Amino acid sequence: MASARILYLDDEEPLVFIVKRMLERLGHQVAGFTTADAALAAFNAEPHSFHLVLSDMSMPGMSGIDFATSILKSRPDALVVIVSGYMDPKDMERAKAAGVRDCIHKPSTLDEMREMVAALLPNL
């Protein structure tokens, strides 16, 4: 698989560090953020440079769905995925209605991360 440019947002700094390292270990370029404002600023500065946007659902200030909606306003064809430890079925429906491509459980191993990115970006 070729290298992807991925934006990863989660309000838990240790998790951003770990996921960023895992994805980089798989050969991807990762911009990791702990605040939606910083992630949106980075995305809006170069909206077409990201292959994939991954966001946690539950964050202070802005939910993953609100974040995804902002991303998709800027670039409607963006591949935005909510990655969460737990997601209510109603939240999943709201996310899909907002244009989120998928809602998946947080992968916890390098193999799960590899499989997730390969499934989301099969042509990369």
Protein backbone atom coordinates (compact mmCIF):
# COMPACT_ATOMS: atom_id res chain seq x y z
CA MET A 1 0.00 0.00 0.00
CA ALA A 2 1.22 3.48 -0.84
CA SER A 3 1.52 6.22 1.73
CA ALA A 4 -1.61 8.16 2.70
CA ARG A 5 -1.84 11.58 4.29
CA ILE A 6 -4.14 11.22 7.29
CA LEU A 7 -5.61 13.76 9.70
CA TYR A 8 -6.34 12.24 13.11
CA LEU A 9 -8.34 14.05 15.81
CA ASP A 10 -8.92 12.88 19.37
CA ASP A 11 -9.05 14.94 22.54
CA GLU A 12 -6.85 12.43 24.42
CA GLU A 13 -3.24 13.44 23.80
CA PRO A 14 -1.72 10.01 24.63
CA LEU A 15 -4.09 8.37 22.14
CA VAL A 16 -3.18 10.87 19.41
CA PHE A 17 0.50 10.12 20.07
CA ILE A 18 -0.01 6.35 19.90
CA VAL A 19 -2.26 6.32 16.82
CA LYS A 20 0.01 8.78 15.01
CA ARG A 21 3.02 6.55 15.70
CA MET A 22 1.13 3.42 14.60
CA LEU A 23 0.02 4.99 11.32
CA GLU A 24 3.50 6.40 10.67
CA ARG A 25 4.93 2.95 11.31
CA LEU A 26 2.66 1.74 8.52
CA GLY A 27 4.24 4.32 6.23
CA HIS A 28 1.60 7.04 6.33
CA GLN A 29 2.00 10.77 6.94
CA VAL A 30 -0.13 11.78 9.91
CA ALA A 31 -1.21 15.14 11.26
CA GLY A 32 -2.47 14.52 14.79
CA PHE A 33 -4.58 16.97 16.76
CA THR A 34 -6.23 17.19 20.18
CA THR A 35 -8.56 20.11 19.35
CA ALA A 36 -11.08 20.43 16.56
CA ASP A 37 -10.12 24.08 15.95
CA ALA A 38 -6.49 23.20 15.26
CA ALA A 39 -7.49 20.23 13.08
CA LEU A 40 -9.91 22.37 11.07
CA ALA A 41 -7.28 25.06 10.55
CA ALA A 42 -4.79 22.48 9.26
CA PHE A 43 -7.39 20.88 6.99
CA ASN A 44 -8.62 24.20 5.61
CA ALA A 45 -5.03 25.28 4.88
CA GLU A 46 -4.59 22.26 2.57
CA PRO A 47 -7.97 20.54 2.11
CA HIS A 48 -6.96 18.44 -0.88
CA SER A 49 -3.77 17.11 0.66
CA PHE A 50 -5.53 14.69 3.04
CA HIS A 51 -6.61 11.25 1.83
CA LEU A 52 -8.42 10.39 5.05
CA VAL A 53 -9.82 12.23 8.08
CA LEU A 54 -10.33 10.24 11.29
CA SER A 55 -12.14 11.80 14.23
CA ASP A 56 -13.26 10.69 17.66
CA MET A 57 -16.98 11.15 18.36
CA SER A 58 -16.97 12.53 21.90
CA MET A 59 -14.82 15.60 22.36
CA PRO A 60 -15.20 18.81 24.34
CA GLY A 61 -16.38 21.81 22.36
CA MET A 62 -17.23 20.05 19.10
CA SER A 63 -18.54 16.55 18.49
CA GLY A 64 -17.08 14.33 15.82
CA ILE A 65 -20.24 14.85 13.76
CA ASP A 66 -19.93 18.65 13.97
CA PHE A 67 -16.25 18.37 13.05
CA ALA A 68 -17.09 16.14 10.09
CA THR A 69 -19.78 18.57 8.93
CA SER A 70 -17.23 21.40 8.95
CA ILE A 71 -14.73 19.32 6.98
CA LEU A 72 -17.35 18.31 4.43
CA LYS A 73 -18.49 21.92 3.95
CA SER A 74 -14.94 22.76 2.94
CA ARG A 75 -14.44 19.64 0.80
CA PRO A 76 -17.60 17.60 0.11
CA ASP A 77 -15.68 14.63 -1.31
CA ALA A 78 -13.45 14.23 1.78
CA LEU A 79 -13.26 10.75 3.25
CA VAL A 80 -14.29 11.37 6.88
CA VAL A 81 -14.61 8.49 9.34
CA ILE A 82 -15.68 8.58 12.97
CA VAL A 83 -13.49 6.32 15.09
CA SER A 84 -14.85 5.78 18.58
CA GLY A 85 -14.71 3.38 21.49
CA TYR A 86 -18.50 3.49 21.81
CA MET A 87 -21.13 4.94 19.56
CA ASP A 88 -24.85 5.13 20.09
CA PRO A 89 -26.82 3.87 17.04
CA LYS A 90 -28.55 7.27 16.86
CA ASP A 91 -25.16 8.97 16.62
CA MET A 92 -24.19 6.58 13.83
CA GLU A 93 -27.34 7.54 11.91
CA ARG A 94 -26.65 11.25 12.45
CA ALA A 95 -23.06 10.82 11.30
CA LYS A 96 -24.09 9.01 8.11
CA ALA A 97 -26.73 11.66 7.40
CA ALA A 98 -24.03 14.34 7.77
CA GLY A 99 -21.90 12.65 5.09
CA VAL A 100 -19.53 10.63 7.28
CA ARG A 101 -18.35 7.61 5.26
CA ASP A 102 -18.17 5.17 8.13
CA CYS A 103 -18.31 4.83 11.90
CA ILE A 104 -15.89 2.26 13.28
CA HIS A 105 -14.55 1.12 16.63
CA LYS A 106 -11.11 2.37 17.55
CA PRO A 107 -8.53 -0.12 16.34
CA SER A 108 -6.12 -1.04 19.09
CA THR A 109 -3.38 -3.00 17.33
CA LEU A 110 -1.06 -2.30 14.43
CA ASP A 111 -2.75 -5.05 12.38
CA GLU A 112 -6.21 -3.57 13.03
CA MET A 113 -4.92 -0.16 12.00
CA ARG A 114 -3.42 -1.59 8.79
CA GLU A 115 -6.68 -3.36 7.96
CA MET A 116 -8.76 -0.25 8.66
CA VAL A 117 -6.69 2.00 6.37
CA ALA A 118 -6.55 -0.66 3.63
CA ALA A 119 -10.34 -1.04 3.74
CA LEU A 120 -10.92 2.72 3.66
CA LEU A 121 -8.33 3.44 0.96
CA PRO A 122 -8.30 0.32 -1.24
CA ASN A 123 -6.95 2.16 -4.30
CA LEU A 124 -4.05 3.83 -2.58
